[in-house]
Amino acid sequence: MLVAIDGPAGAGKSTVARALAGKLGFTYLDSGAMYRCVALAALQRGGGELPEQEAALGELARAITIEFRGGAPGAQQTAAASVLLDGRDVSEAIRAPEVSKAASVVAADPAVRTALVAKQRQLIDAGDWVAEGRDIGTVVAPDAELKIFLTAGARERARRRAAELGADVETVLAEQTMRDARDESREHSPLHAAPDAVTLDTSGLTVQEAVARIAALVPSL
């Protein structure tokens, strides 16, 4: 079974999806981490710069191996899964500010999206998953049994992100506004709710409350 959670930056997708996966005993798939892996690989191979060649990022995205692991070897993956890039644990490295900035550029590349959508479909082909991103329910898995579009007010999203980063709220809000516009207007896989998605506004909700509301919608296994 697949629970697909999409939504804009700062809506709480990662936190809620991770907690929901733990509650349900499902595997957690952070699609954003996959784009960060491509960005990290590109920066490492390019000496801190993204490649200028138009096809380079797509080729890189197809070539690298991305895995999500947790617990003992051979055990079911869990919500605490680590992210492995070509066999190396990069769970911390992909969260660096320079990688986050590069990942935003990488995610807009059509060839990268095509490559990673294929990888995501391979991952969720078997087992029970909670997958979060910006196009899980619309592009990656339009047949997902449950689709959630998680959102929150713009300032609330910026406040959460600023608290997480220790940054200025107004600065984060300005950057978030540009990112939202880019995500919603891009030609390939623009951000929008699937027609059959349940929209959940997390403004004023705790993580536990948001998780409980989604868990109540999960069909009995």
Protein backbone atom coordinates (compact mmCIF):
# COMPACT_ATOMS: atom_id res chain seq x y z
CA MET A 1 0.00 0.00 0.00
CA LEU A 2 1.10 3.56 -0.67
CA VAL A 3 0.21 6.77 1.14
CA ALA A 4 1.29 9.69 -1.08
CA ILE A 5 1.86 13.03 0.65
CA ASP A 6 2.50 16.09 -1.49
CA GLY A 7 2.63 19.79 -0.69
CA PRO A 8 4.73 22.97 -0.69
CA ALA A 9 7.92 23.57 1.26
CA GLY A 10 7.40 24.07 4.98
CA ALA A 11 4.03 22.34 5.15
CA GLY A 12 5.51 19.66 7.40
CA LYS A 13 5.58 16.85 4.83
CA SER A 14 8.82 15.23 5.99
CA THR A 15 8.01 15.37 9.69
CA VAL A 16 4.44 14.14 9.25
CA ALA A 17 5.32 11.47 6.69
CA ARG A 18 8.16 10.13 8.85
CA ALA A 19 5.92 9.98 11.93
CA LEU A 20 3.06 8.42 9.95
CA ALA A 21 5.36 5.74 8.56
CA GLY A 22 6.50 4.92 12.07
CA LYS A 23 2.94 4.72 13.34
CA LEU A 24 1.82 2.45 10.50
CA GLY A 25 5.00 0.38 10.28
CA PHE A 26 5.48 1.48 6.66
CA THR A 27 8.69 2.47 4.89
CA TYR A 28 9.27 6.22 4.59
CA LEU A 29 10.35 7.58 1.20
CA ASP A 30 11.67 11.14 1.17
CA SER A 31 11.67 12.01 -2.54
CA GLY A 32 13.27 15.35 -1.79
CA ALA A 33 16.28 13.50 -0.41
CA MET A 34 16.73 11.89 -3.81
CA TYR A 35 17.00 15.28 -5.52
CA ARG A 36 19.43 16.33 -2.80
CA CYS A 37 21.51 13.24 -3.57
CA VAL A 38 21.76 14.27 -7.22
CA ALA A 39 22.73 17.78 -6.14
CA LEU A 40 25.37 16.49 -3.72
CA ALA A 41 26.85 14.14 -6.31
CA ALA A 42 26.94 16.94 -8.88
CA LEU A 43 28.63 19.37 -6.48
CA GLN A 44 31.19 16.80 -5.40
CA ARG A 45 32.07 15.90 -8.97
CA GLY A 46 32.05 19.51 -10.11
CA GLY A 47 34.24 20.93 -7.38
CA GLY A 48 31.35 22.74 -5.73
CA GLU A 49 29.64 23.83 -8.95
CA LEU A 50 26.75 22.32 -10.87
CA PRO A 51 27.62 21.15 -14.42
CA GLU A 52 27.02 23.56 -17.28
CA GLN A 53 26.26 20.85 -19.86
CA GLU A 54 22.52 20.51 -20.33
CA ALA A 55 22.48 16.69 -20.30
CA ALA A 56 24.95 16.19 -17.46
CA LEU A 57 22.51 16.26 -14.54
CA GLY A 58 20.14 13.79 -16.18
CA GLU A 59 22.99 11.39 -16.91
CA LEU A 60 24.19 11.69 -13.32
CA ALA A 61 20.71 11.07 -11.92
CA ARG A 62 20.41 7.88 -13.96
CA ALA A 63 23.88 6.65 -12.98
CA ILE A 64 23.83 7.05 -9.20
CA THR A 65 22.33 4.55 -6.75
CA ILE A 66 20.07 5.86 -3.99
CA GLU A 67 18.88 3.68 -1.13
CA PHE A 68 16.88 4.14 2.07
CA ARG A 69 17.95 1.87 4.91
CA GLY A 70 17.17 1.49 8.57
CA GLY A 71 17.41 -1.07 11.35
CA ALA A 72 19.32 -4.30 11.14
CA PRO A 73 20.47 -5.71 7.80
CA GLY A 74 17.60 -7.52 6.11
CA ALA A 75 14.98 -5.96 8.40
CA GLN A 76 12.07 -3.95 7.09
CA GLN A 77 13.04 -0.36 6.41
CA THR A 78 11.65 2.07 8.95
CA ALA A 79 10.78 5.72 9.33
CA ALA A 80 14.31 6.32 10.64
CA ALA A 81 15.90 5.08 7.43
CA SER A 82 19.25 6.50 6.40
CA VAL A 83 19.91 7.82 2.90
CA LEU A 84 22.69 6.11 0.99
CA LEU A 85 24.29 7.52 -2.16
CA ASP A 86 26.31 4.92 -4.04
CA GLY A 87 26.59 2.95 -0.79
CA ARG A 88 27.67 5.93 1.38
CA ASP A 89 25.47 7.32 4.16
CA VAL A 90 24.80 10.94 3.17
CA SER A 91 21.88 11.59 5.53
CA GLU A 92 23.67 14.61 7.03
CA ALA A 93 25.58 15.78 3.95
CA ILE A 94 22.46 16.29 1.83
CA ARG A 95 21.07 18.75 4.40
CA ALA A 96 23.93 21.24 4.00
CA PRO A 97 22.78 24.73 2.88
CA GLU A 98 24.74 24.60 -0.38
CA VAL A 99 23.16 21.25 -1.24
CA SER A 100 19.68 22.56 -0.45
CA LYS A 101 20.23 25.50 -2.79
CA ALA A 102 21.56 23.27 -5.57
CA ALA A 103 18.74 20.76 -5.10
CA SER A 104 16.19 23.45 -5.97
CA VAL A 105 17.93 23.91 -9.32
CA VAL A 106 18.37 20.19 -9.88
CA ALA A 107 14.70 19.47 -9.19
CA ALA A 108 13.65 21.76 -12.05
CA ASP A 109 15.64 19.72 -14.60
CA PRO A 110 13.22 17.56 -16.68
CA ALA A 111 15.82 14.84 -17.28
CA VAL A 112 16.54 14.58 -13.55
CA ARG A 113 12.84 14.34 -12.73
CA THR A 114 12.35 11.61 -15.33
CA ALA A 115 15.27 9.61 -13.93
CA LEU A 116 14.20 9.96 -10.31
CA VAL A 117 10.54 9.24 -10.99
CA ALA A 118 11.67 5.92 -12.47
CA LYS A 119 13.78 5.21 -9.38
CA GLN A 120 10.91 6.16 -7.05
CA ARG A 121 8.51 3.85 -8.86
CA GLN A 122 11.00 1.02 -8.52
CA LEU A 123 11.32 1.61 -4.79
CA ILE A 124 7.58 1.72 -4.04
CA ASP A 125 6.72 -1.17 -6.35
CA ALA A 126 6.58 -3.61 -3.43
CA GLY A 127 5.75 -3.25 0.24
CA ASP A 128 3.96 -0.56 2.23
CA TRP A 129 5.20 3.01 1.88
CA VAL A 130 4.57 6.56 2.97
CA ALA A 131 6.10 8.67 0.20
CA GLU A 132 6.31 12.44 0.31
CA GLY A 133 7.27 15.07 -2.22
CA ARG A 134 5.68 17.44 -4.70
CA ASP A 135 4.46 15.08 -7.42
CA ILE A 136 3.98 11.67 -5.77
CA GLY A 137 0.21 11.55 -6.17
CA THR A 138 0.13 13.31 -9.53
CA VAL A 139 3.09 11.83 -11.42
CA VAL A 140 5.02 9.16 -9.53
CA ALA A 141 2.07 7.12 -8.25
CA PRO A 142 -1.28 8.42 -9.55
CA ASP A 143 -2.86 5.12 -8.44
CA ALA A 144 -1.82 5.49 -4.79
CA GLU A 145 -4.49 4.19 -2.43
CA LEU A 146 -4.44 7.39 -0.36
CA LYS A 147 -3.30 10.84 -1.49
CA ILE A 148 -2.81 13.75 0.88
CA PHE A 149 -2.03 17.33 -0.09
CA LEU A 150 -0.42 18.86 2.99
CA THR A 151 -0.34 22.63 3.19
CA ALA A 152 -0.22 25.55 5.63
CA GLY A 153 -0.30 29.34 5.49
CA ALA A 154 2.73 30.94 3.83
CA ARG A 155 3.93 32.74 6.97
CA GLU A 156 3.40 29.66 9.12
CA ARG A 157 5.47 27.59 6.71
CA ALA A 158 8.20 30.23 6.73
CA ARG A 159 8.15 30.41 10.53
CA ARG A 160 8.64 26.65 10.82
CA ARG A 161 11.46 26.62 8.31
CA ALA A 162 13.17 29.61 9.95
CA ALA A 163 12.99 27.91 13.36
CA GLU A 164 14.49 24.76 11.88
CA LEU A 165 17.36 26.66 10.23
CA GLY A 166 17.84 29.34 12.86
CA ALA A 167 17.21 31.94 10.14
CA ASP A 168 15.25 35.18 9.78
CA VAL A 169 11.55 34.60 9.07
CA GLU A 170 11.28 37.39 6.48
CA THR A 171 14.29 36.08 4.57
CA VAL A 172 12.89 32.55 4.56
CA LEU A 173 9.48 33.86 3.51
CA ALA A 174 10.98 35.69 0.53
CA GLU A 175 12.93 32.62 -0.58
CA GLN A 176 9.88 30.42 -0.02
CA THR A 177 7.70 32.68 -2.18
CA MET A 178 10.15 32.34 -5.06
CA ARG A 179 10.37 28.58 -4.59
CA ASP A 180 6.58 28.22 -4.49
CA ALA A 181 6.29 30.17 -7.74
CA ARG A 182 8.97 28.04 -9.36
CA ASP A 183 7.38 24.78 -8.17
CA GLU A 184 3.89 25.77 -9.28
CA SER A 185 4.87 27.14 -12.71
CA ARG A 186 7.51 24.68 -13.90
CA GLU A 187 6.69 22.89 -17.12
CA HIS A 188 7.39 19.38 -15.83
CA SER A 189 5.53 18.05 -12.77
CA PRO A 190 4.25 21.38 -11.41
CA LEU A 191 3.11 21.41 -7.80
CA HIS A 192 -0.64 20.93 -7.43
CA ALA A 193 -3.01 18.64 -5.59
CA ALA A 194 -4.21 15.50 -7.35
CA PRO A 195 -7.96 15.66 -8.11
CA ASP A 196 -8.65 12.86 -5.62
CA ALA A 197 -6.27 14.06 -2.90
CA VAL A 198 -7.45 14.99 0.58
CA THR A 199 -6.20 18.49 1.45
CA LEU A 200 -5.00 18.93 5.03
CA ASP A 201 -4.00 22.36 6.33
CA THR A 202 -1.53 21.83 9.16
CA SER A 203 -1.68 25.44 10.43
CA GLY A 204 -2.36 25.18 14.15
CA LEU A 205 -2.00 21.38 14.19
CA THR A 206 0.64 19.45 16.09
CA VAL A 207 2.52 16.71 14.26
CA GLN A 208 0.60 14.13 16.29
CA GLU A 209 -2.74 15.67 15.32
CA ALA A 210 -1.84 15.75 11.63
CA VAL A 211 -0.64 12.14 11.76
CA ALA A 212 -3.81 11.02 13.52
CA ARG A 213 -6.01 12.66 10.89
CA ILE A 214 -4.16 10.96 8.04
CA ALA A 215 -3.95 7.59 9.80
CA ALA A 216 -7.74 7.65 10.21
CA LEU A 217 -8.04 7.77 6.41
CA VAL A 218 -5.77 4.78 5.76
CA PRO A 219 -7.83 1.81 4.56
CA SER A 220 -7.68 -1.29 6.75
CA LEU A 221 -4.88 -3.60 5.64
